Amino acid sequence: MDESSLEPHYVTVKGREKILTEIKGAAKKADKIFIATDPDREGEAIGWHLAHEMKGMEDRIFRVLFHEITPPP
């Protein structure tokens, strides 16, 4: 087995193609794109994949990290 066979191949989750197309369409019209996810591995993976899908828009993408959103007492 050579290293090239270990290259990951990403696919869009079945049934989520429409929402991804909508997000990418909105991103094309935006001056800035803020990707805000949970700080866990799943959130980071989602953020990475969204940014990866937005080819040609990298200079407008900003990552935002929320640790907690709690209403005031």
PDB file of N, CA and C in Angstrom:
ATOM      1  N   MET A   1       0.855  -1.178   0.000  1.00  0.00           N
ATOM      2  CA  MET A   1       0.000   0.000   0.000  1.00  0.00           C
ATOM      3  C   MET A   1       0.897   1.236   0.000  1.00  0.00           C
ATOM      4  N   ASP A   2       0.658   2.142  -0.945  1.00  0.00           N
ATOM      5  CA  ASP A   2       1.440   3.376  -0.959  1.00  0.00           C
ATOM      6  C   ASP A   2       0.637   4.508  -0.319  1.00  0.00           C
ATOM      7  N   GLU A   3       1.315   5.616  -0.026  1.00  0.00           N
ATOM      8  CA  GLU A   3       0.669   6.719   0.682  1.00  0.00           C
ATOM      9  C   GLU A   3      -0.469   7.348  -0.101  1.00  0.00           C
ATOM     10  N   SER A   4      -0.421   7.316  -1.428  1.00  0.00           N
ATOM     11  CA  SER A   4      -1.483   7.934  -2.213  1.00  0.00           C
ATOM     12  C   SER A   4      -2.822   7.230  -2.016  1.00  0.00           C
ATOM     13  N   SER A   5      -2.792   5.963  -1.645  1.00  0.00           N
ATOM     14  CA  SER A   5      -4.049   5.244  -1.426  1.00  0.00           C
ATOM     15  C   SER A   5      -4.680   5.618  -0.083  1.00  0.00           C
ATOM     16  N   LEU A   6      -3.965   6.377   0.736  1.00  0.00           N
ATOM     17  CA  LEU A   6      -4.490   6.798   2.035  1.00  0.00           C
ATOM     18  C   LEU A   6      -5.123   8.182   1.982  1.00  0.00           C
ATOM     19  N   GLU A   7      -5.207   8.764   0.804  1.00  0.00           N
ATOM     20  CA  GLU A   7      -5.803  10.082   0.642  1.00  0.00           C
ATOM     21  C   GLU A   7      -7.301  10.013   0.961  1.00  0.00           C
ATOM     22  N   PRO A   8      -7.795  10.907   1.841  1.00  0.00           N
ATOM     23  CA  PRO A   8      -9.226  10.858   2.165  1.00  0.00           C
ATOM     24  C   PRO A   8     -10.079  11.304   0.983  1.00  0.00           C
ATOM     25  N   HIS A   9     -11.247  10.774   0.890  1.00  0.00           N
ATOM     26  CA  HIS A   9     -12.211  11.145  -0.145  1.00  0.00           C
ATOM     27  C   HIS A   9     -13.484  11.584   0.573  1.00  0.00           C
ATOM     28  N   TYR A  10     -13.812  12.871   0.451  1.00  0.00           N
ATOM     29  CA  TYR A  10     -14.953  13.417   1.167  1.00  0.00           C
ATOM     30  C   TYR A  10     -16.184  13.415   0.274  1.00  0.00           C
ATOM     31  N   VAL A  11     -17.310  13.068   0.846  1.00  0.00           N
ATOM     32  CA  VAL A  11     -18.582  13.087   0.126  1.00  0.00           C
ATOM     33  C   VAL A  11     -19.602  13.830   0.987  1.00  0.00           C
ATOM     34  N   THR A  12     -20.543  14.468   0.334  1.00  0.00           N
ATOM     35  CA  THR A  12     -21.618  15.146   1.039  1.00  0.00           C
ATOM     36  C   THR A  12     -22.601  14.105   1.550  1.00  0.00           C
ATOM     37  N   VAL A  13     -23.037  14.272   2.776  1.00  0.00           N
ATOM     38  CA  VAL A  13     -23.992  13.350   3.381  1.00  0.00           C
ATOM     39  C   VAL A  13     -25.258  13.335   2.515  1.00  0.00           C
ATOM     40  N   LYS A  14     -25.736  12.144   2.221  1.00  0.00           N
ATOM     41  CA  LYS A  14     -26.935  11.993   1.398  1.00  0.00           C
ATOM     42  C   LYS A  14     -28.098  12.779   2.017  1.00  0.00           C
ATOM     43  N   GLY A  15     -28.775  13.550   1.194  1.00  0.00           N
ATOM     44  CA  GLY A  15     -29.897  14.361   1.660  1.00  0.00           C
ATOM     45  C   GLY A  15     -29.506  15.772   2.059  1.00  0.00           C
ATOM     46  N   ARG A  16     -28.201  16.069   2.091  1.00  0.00           N
ATOM     47  CA  ARG A  16     -27.737  17.409   2.494  1.00  0.00           C
ATOM     48  C   ARG A  16     -27.209  18.221   1.313  1.00  0.00           C
ATOM     49  N   GLU A  17     -27.341  17.701   0.109  1.00  0.00           N
ATOM     50  CA  GLU A  17     -26.828  18.394  -1.072  1.00  0.00           C
ATOM     51  C   GLU A  17     -27.503  19.757  -1.261  1.00  0.00           C
ATOM     52  N   LYS A  18     -28.818  19.795  -1.048  1.00  0.00           N
ATOM     53  CA  LYS A  18     -29.558  21.041  -1.258  1.00  0.00           C
ATOM     54  C   LYS A  18     -29.101  22.137  -0.295  1.00  0.00           C
ATOM     55  N   ILE A  19     -28.961  21.802   0.970  1.00  0.00           N
ATOM     56  CA  ILE A  19     -28.551  22.818   1.944  1.00  0.00           C
ATOM     57  C   ILE A  19     -27.124  23.300   1.659  1.00  0.00           C
ATOM     58  N   LEU A  20     -26.244  22.394   1.242  1.00  0.00           N
ATOM     59  CA  LEU A  20     -24.881  22.795   0.908  1.00  0.00           C
ATOM     60  C   LEU A  20     -24.882  23.734  -0.294  1.00  0.00           C
ATOM     61  N   THR A  21     -25.704  23.441  -1.282  1.00  0.00           N
ATOM     62  CA  THR A  21     -25.820  24.317  -2.457  1.00  0.00           C
ATOM     63  C   THR A  21     -26.339  25.687  -2.047  1.00  0.00           C
ATOM     64  N   GLU A  22     -27.325  25.733  -1.143  1.00  0.00           N
ATOM     65  CA  GLU A  22     -27.866  27.008  -0.659  1.00  0.00           C
ATOM     66  C   GLU A  22     -26.809  27.809   0.104  1.00  0.00           C
ATOM     67  N   ILE A  23     -26.049  27.144   0.942  1.00  0.00           N
ATOM     68  CA  ILE A  23     -24.995  27.824   1.709  1.00  0.00           C
ATOM     69  C   ILE A  23     -23.953  28.399   0.760  1.00  0.00           C
ATOM     70  N   LYS A  24     -23.520  27.610  -0.201  1.00  0.00           N
ATOM     71  CA  LYS A  24     -22.512  28.073  -1.157  1.00  0.00           C
ATOM     72  C   LYS A  24     -23.042  29.231  -1.998  1.00  0.00           C
ATOM     73  N   GLY A  25     -24.323  29.191  -2.377  1.00  0.00           N
ATOM     74  CA  GLY A  25     -24.920  30.289  -3.140  1.00  0.00           C
ATOM     75  C   GLY A  25     -24.953  31.578  -2.342  1.00  0.00           C
ATOM     76  N   ALA A  26     -25.329  31.484  -1.080  1.00  0.00           N
ATOM     77  CA  ALA A  26     -25.355  32.666  -0.213  1.00  0.00           C
ATOM     78  C   ALA A  26     -23.937  33.185   0.020  1.00  0.00           C
ATOM     79  N   ALA A  27     -22.980  32.281   0.177  1.00  0.00           N
ATOM     80  CA  ALA A  27     -21.591  32.683   0.416  1.00  0.00           C
ATOM     81  C   ALA A  27     -21.018  33.450  -0.774  1.00  0.00           C
ATOM     82  N   LYS A  28     -21.396  33.064  -1.980  1.00  0.00           N
ATOM     83  CA  LYS A  28     -20.892  33.761  -3.180  1.00  0.00           C
ATOM     84  C   LYS A  28     -21.303  35.224  -3.181  1.00  0.00           C
ATOM     85  N   LYS A  29     -22.440  35.543  -2.575  1.00  0.00           N
ATOM     86  CA  LYS A  29     -22.955  36.916  -2.550  1.00  0.00           C
ATOM     87  C   LYS A  29     -22.425  37.719  -1.367  1.00  0.00           C
ATOM     88  N   ALA A  30     -21.799  37.065  -0.404  1.00  0.00           N
ATOM     89  CA  ALA A  30     -21.383  37.721   0.844  1.00  0.00           C
ATOM     90  C   ALA A  30     -19.996  38.340   0.732  1.00  0.00           C
ATOM     91  N   ASP A  31     -19.815  39.465   1.437  1.00  0.00           N
ATOM     92  CA  ASP A  31     -18.492  40.086   1.512  1.00  0.00           C
ATOM     93  C   ASP A  31     -17.574  39.302   2.446  1.00  0.00           C
ATOM     94  N   LYS A  32     -18.155  38.796   3.527  1.00  0.00           N
ATOM     95  CA  LYS A  32     -17.408  38.011   4.512  1.00  0.00           C
ATOM     96  C   LYS A  32     -18.230  36.787   4.876  1.00  0.00           C
ATOM     97  N   ILE A  33     -17.549  35.686   5.135  1.00  0.00           N
ATOM     98  CA  ILE A  33     -18.207  34.434   5.494  1.00  0.00           C
ATOM     99  C   ILE A  33     -17.683  34.022   6.859  1.00  0.00           C
ATOM    100  N   PHE A  34     -18.571  33.936   7.834  1.00  0.00           N
ATOM    101  CA  PHE A  34     -18.188  33.532   9.175  1.00  0.00           C
ATOM    102  C   PHE A  34     -18.691  32.112   9.419  1.00  0.00           C
ATOM    103  N   ILE A  35     -17.768  31.210   9.681  1.00  0.00           N
ATOM    104  CA  ILE A  35     -18.119  29.836   9.998  1.00  0.00           C
ATOM    105  C   ILE A  35     -17.962  29.673  11.501  1.00  0.00           C
ATOM    106  N   ALA A  36     -19.085  29.503  12.182  1.00  0.00           N
ATOM    107  CA  ALA A  36     -19.090  29.406  13.638  1.00  0.00           C
ATOM    108  C   ALA A  36     -19.597  28.027  14.042  1.00  0.00           C
ATOM    109  N   THR A  37     -18.739  27.263  14.671  1.00  0.00           N
ATOM    110  CA  THR A  37     -19.101  25.900  15.064  1.00  0.00           C
ATOM    111  C   THR A  37     -18.754  25.665  16.530  1.00  0.00           C
ATOM    112  N   ASP A  38     -19.272  24.576  17.063  1.00  0.00           N
ATOM    113  CA  ASP A  38     -18.877  24.157  18.404  1.00  0.00           C
ATOM    114  C   ASP A  38     -17.395  23.799  18.399  1.00  0.00           C
ATOM    115  N   PRO A  39     -16.723  23.936  19.546  1.00  0.00           N
ATOM    116  CA  PRO A  39     -15.290  23.659  19.593  1.00  0.00           C
ATOM    117  C   PRO A  39     -14.937  22.175  19.676  1.00  0.00           C
ATOM    118  N   ASP A  40     -15.905  21.292  19.538  1.00  0.00           N
ATOM    119  CA  ASP A  40     -15.585  19.866  19.601  1.00  0.00           C
ATOM    120  C   ASP A  40     -15.127  19.354  18.237  1.00  0.00           C
ATOM    121  N   ARG A  41     -14.737  18.100  18.169  1.00  0.00           N
ATOM    122  CA  ARG A  41     -14.228  17.536  16.914  1.00  0.00           C
ATOM    123  C   ARG A  41     -15.262  17.578  15.800  1.00  0.00           C
ATOM    124  N   GLU A  42     -16.512  17.305  16.139  1.00  0.00           N
ATOM    125  CA  GLU A  42     -17.557  17.327  15.115  1.00  0.00           C
ATOM    126  C   GLU A  42     -17.733  18.743  14.555  1.00  0.00           C
ATOM    127  N   GLY A  43     -17.774  19.733  15.443  1.00  0.00           N
ATOM    128  CA  GLY A  43     -17.902  21.114  15.004  1.00  0.00           C
ATOM    129  C   GLY A  43     -16.740  21.548  14.132  1.00  0.00           C
ATOM    130  N   GLU A  44     -15.540  21.193  14.548  1.00  0.00           N
ATOM    131  CA  GLU A  44     -14.354  21.531  13.754  1.00  0.00           C
ATOM    132  C   GLU A  44     -14.393  20.856  12.387  1.00  0.00           C
ATOM    133  N   ALA A  45     -14.841  19.616  12.345  1.00  0.00           N
ATOM    134  CA  ALA A  45     -14.932  18.898  11.071  1.00  0.00           C
ATOM    135  C   ALA A  45     -15.953  19.564  10.155  1.00  0.00           C
ATOM    136  N   ILE A  46     -17.092  19.943  10.707  1.00  0.00           N
ATOM    137  CA  ILE A  46     -18.114  20.616   9.902  1.00  0.00           C
ATOM    138  C   ILE A  46     -17.564  21.934   9.350  1.00  0.00           C
ATOM    139  N   GLY A  47     -16.911  22.716  10.197  1.00  0.00           N
ATOM    140  CA  GLY A  47     -16.330  23.980   9.761  1.00  0.00           C
ATOM    141  C   GLY A  47     -15.291  23.790   8.673  1.00  0.00           C
ATOM    142  N   TRP A  48     -14.428  22.795   8.844  1.00  0.00           N
ATOM    143  CA  TRP A  48     -13.390  22.523   7.849  1.00  0.00           C
ATOM    144  C   TRP A  48     -14.021  22.138   6.516  1.00  0.00           C
ATOM    145  N   HIS A  49     -15.024  21.265   6.562  1.00  0.00           N
ATOM    146  CA  HIS A  49     -15.657  20.815   5.325  1.00  0.00           C
ATOM    147  C   HIS A  49     -16.391  21.955   4.618  1.00  0.00           C
ATOM    148  N   LEU A  50     -17.059  22.810   5.372  1.00  0.00           N
ATOM    149  CA  LEU A  50     -17.714  23.965   4.741  1.00  0.00           C
ATOM    150  C   LEU A  50     -16.691  24.858   4.062  1.00  0.00           C
ATOM    151  N   ALA A  51     -15.625  25.177   4.761  1.00  0.00           N
ATOM    152  CA  ALA A  51     -14.581  26.025   4.175  1.00  0.00           C
ATOM    153  C   ALA A  51     -13.980  25.360   2.939  1.00  0.00           C
ATOM    154  N   HIS A  52     -13.788  24.060   2.993  1.00  0.00           N
ATOM    155  CA  HIS A  52     -13.221  23.306   1.880  1.00  0.00           C
ATOM    156  C   HIS A  52     -14.130  23.359   0.644  1.00  0.00           C
ATOM    157  N   GLU A  53     -15.432  23.401   0.863  1.00  0.00           N
ATOM    158  CA  GLU A  53     -16.398  23.443  -0.244  1.00  0.00           C
ATOM    159  C   GLU A  53     -16.447  24.815  -0.924  1.00  0.00           C
ATOM    160  N   MET A  54     -15.956  25.844  -0.260  1.00  0.00           N
ATOM    161  CA  MET A  54     -16.054  27.211  -0.778  1.00  0.00           C
ATOM    162  C   MET A  54     -14.783  27.622  -1.505  1.00  0.00           C
ATOM    163  N   LYS A  55     -14.455  26.863  -2.511  1.00  0.00           N
ATOM    164  CA  LYS A  55     -13.249  27.128  -3.298  1.00  0.00           C
ATOM    165  C   LYS A  55     -13.339  28.507  -3.958  1.00  0.00           C
ATOM    166  N   GLY A  56     -12.244  29.241  -3.925  1.00  0.00           N
ATOM    167  CA  GLY A  56     -12.197  30.568  -4.508  1.00  0.00           C
ATOM    168  C   GLY A  56     -12.696  31.662  -3.583  1.00  0.00           C
ATOM    169  N   MET A  57     -13.163  31.293  -2.406  1.00  0.00           N
ATOM    170  CA  MET A  57     -13.682  32.283  -1.457  1.00  0.00           C
ATOM    171  C   MET A  57     -12.820  32.343  -0.194  1.00  0.00           C
ATOM    172  N   GLU A  58     -11.690  31.673  -0.199  1.00  0.00           N
ATOM    173  CA  GLU A  58     -10.870  31.517   1.005  1.00  0.00           C
ATOM    174  C   GLU A  58     -10.509  32.843   1.680  1.00  0.00           C
ATOM    175  N   ASP A  59     -10.305  33.900   0.892  1.00  0.00           N
ATOM    176  CA  ASP A  59      -9.909  35.180   1.470  1.00  0.00           C
ATOM    177  C   ASP A  59     -11.047  35.868   2.226  1.00  0.00           C
ATOM    178  N   ARG A  60     -12.269  35.366   2.093  1.00  0.00           N
ATOM    179  CA  ARG A  60     -13.427  35.959   2.774  1.00  0.00           C
ATOM    180  C   ARG A  60     -13.934  35.102   3.923  1.00  0.00           C
ATOM    181  N   ILE A  61     -13.280  33.969   4.171  1.00  0.00           N
ATOM    182  CA  ILE A  61     -13.749  33.047   5.208  1.00  0.00           C
ATOM    183  C   ILE A  61     -13.052  33.331   6.536  1.00  0.00           C
ATOM    184  N   PHE A  62     -13.846  33.451   7.575  1.00  0.00           N
ATOM    185  CA  PHE A  62     -13.340  33.662   8.929  1.00  0.00           C
ATOM    186  C   PHE A  62     -13.964  32.611   9.836  1.00  0.00           C
ATOM    187  N   ARG A  63     -13.158  32.013  10.682  1.00  0.00           N
ATOM    188  CA  ARG A  63     -13.668  31.030  11.642  1.00  0.00           C
ATOM    189  C   ARG A  63     -13.964  31.730  12.958  1.00  0.00           C
ATOM    190  N   VAL A  64     -15.107  31.414  13.531  1.00  0.00           N
ATOM    191  CA  VAL A  64     -15.532  31.963  14.813  1.00  0.00           C
ATOM    192  C   VAL A  64     -15.725  30.786  15.748  1.00  0.00           C
ATOM    193  N   LEU A  65     -15.295  30.945  16.978  1.00  0.00           N
ATOM    194  CA  LEU A  65     -15.414  29.878  17.953  1.00  0.00           C
ATOM    195  C   LEU A  65     -16.258  30.349  19.130  1.00  0.00           C
ATOM    196  N   PHE A  66     -17.361  29.664  19.389  1.00  0.00           N
ATOM    197  CA  PHE A  66     -18.204  29.947  20.535  1.00  0.00           C
ATOM    198  C   PHE A  66     -17.959  28.868  21.578  1.00  0.00           C
ATOM    199  N   HIS A  67     -17.653  29.282  22.789  1.00  0.00           N
ATOM    200  CA  HIS A  67     -17.492  28.314  23.853  1.00  0.00           C
ATOM    201  C   HIS A  67     -18.799  28.101  24.614  1.00  0.00           C
ATOM    202  N   GLU A  68     -19.599  29.138  24.671  1.00  0.00           N
ATOM    203  CA  GLU A  68     -20.849  29.012  25.410  1.00  0.00           C
ATOM    204  C   GLU A  68     -21.747  30.192  25.052  1.00  0.00           C
ATOM    205  N   ILE A  69     -22.997  29.910  24.835  1.00  0.00           N
ATOM    206  CA  ILE A  69     -23.992  30.960  24.642  1.00  0.00           C
ATOM    207  C   ILE A  69     -25.085  30.693  25.669  1.00  0.00           C
ATOM    208  N   THR A  70     -25.142  31.546  26.669  1.00  0.00           N
ATOM    209  CA  THR A  70     -26.084  31.347  27.759  1.00  0.00           C
ATOM    210  C   THR A  70     -26.876  32.629  27.966  1.00  0.00           C
ATOM    211  N   PRO A  71     -28.188  32.524  28.071  1.00  0.00           N
ATOM    212  CA  PRO A  71     -28.974  33.738  28.327  1.00  0.00           C
ATOM    213  C   PRO A  71     -28.651  34.288  29.715  1.00  0.00           C
ATOM    214  N   PRO A  72     -28.757  35.596  29.882  1.00  0.00           N
ATOM    215  CA  PRO A  72     -28.504  36.173  31.211  1.00  0.00           C
ATOM    216  C   PRO A  72     -29.538  35.681  32.208  1.00  0.00           C
ATOM    217  N   PRO A  73     -29.160  35.622  33.493  1.00  0.00           N
ATOM    218  CA  PRO A  73     -30.093  35.131  34.532  1.00  0.00           C
ATOM    219  C   PRO A  73     -31.272  36.056  34.734  1.00  0.00           C
TER     220      PRO A  73
END
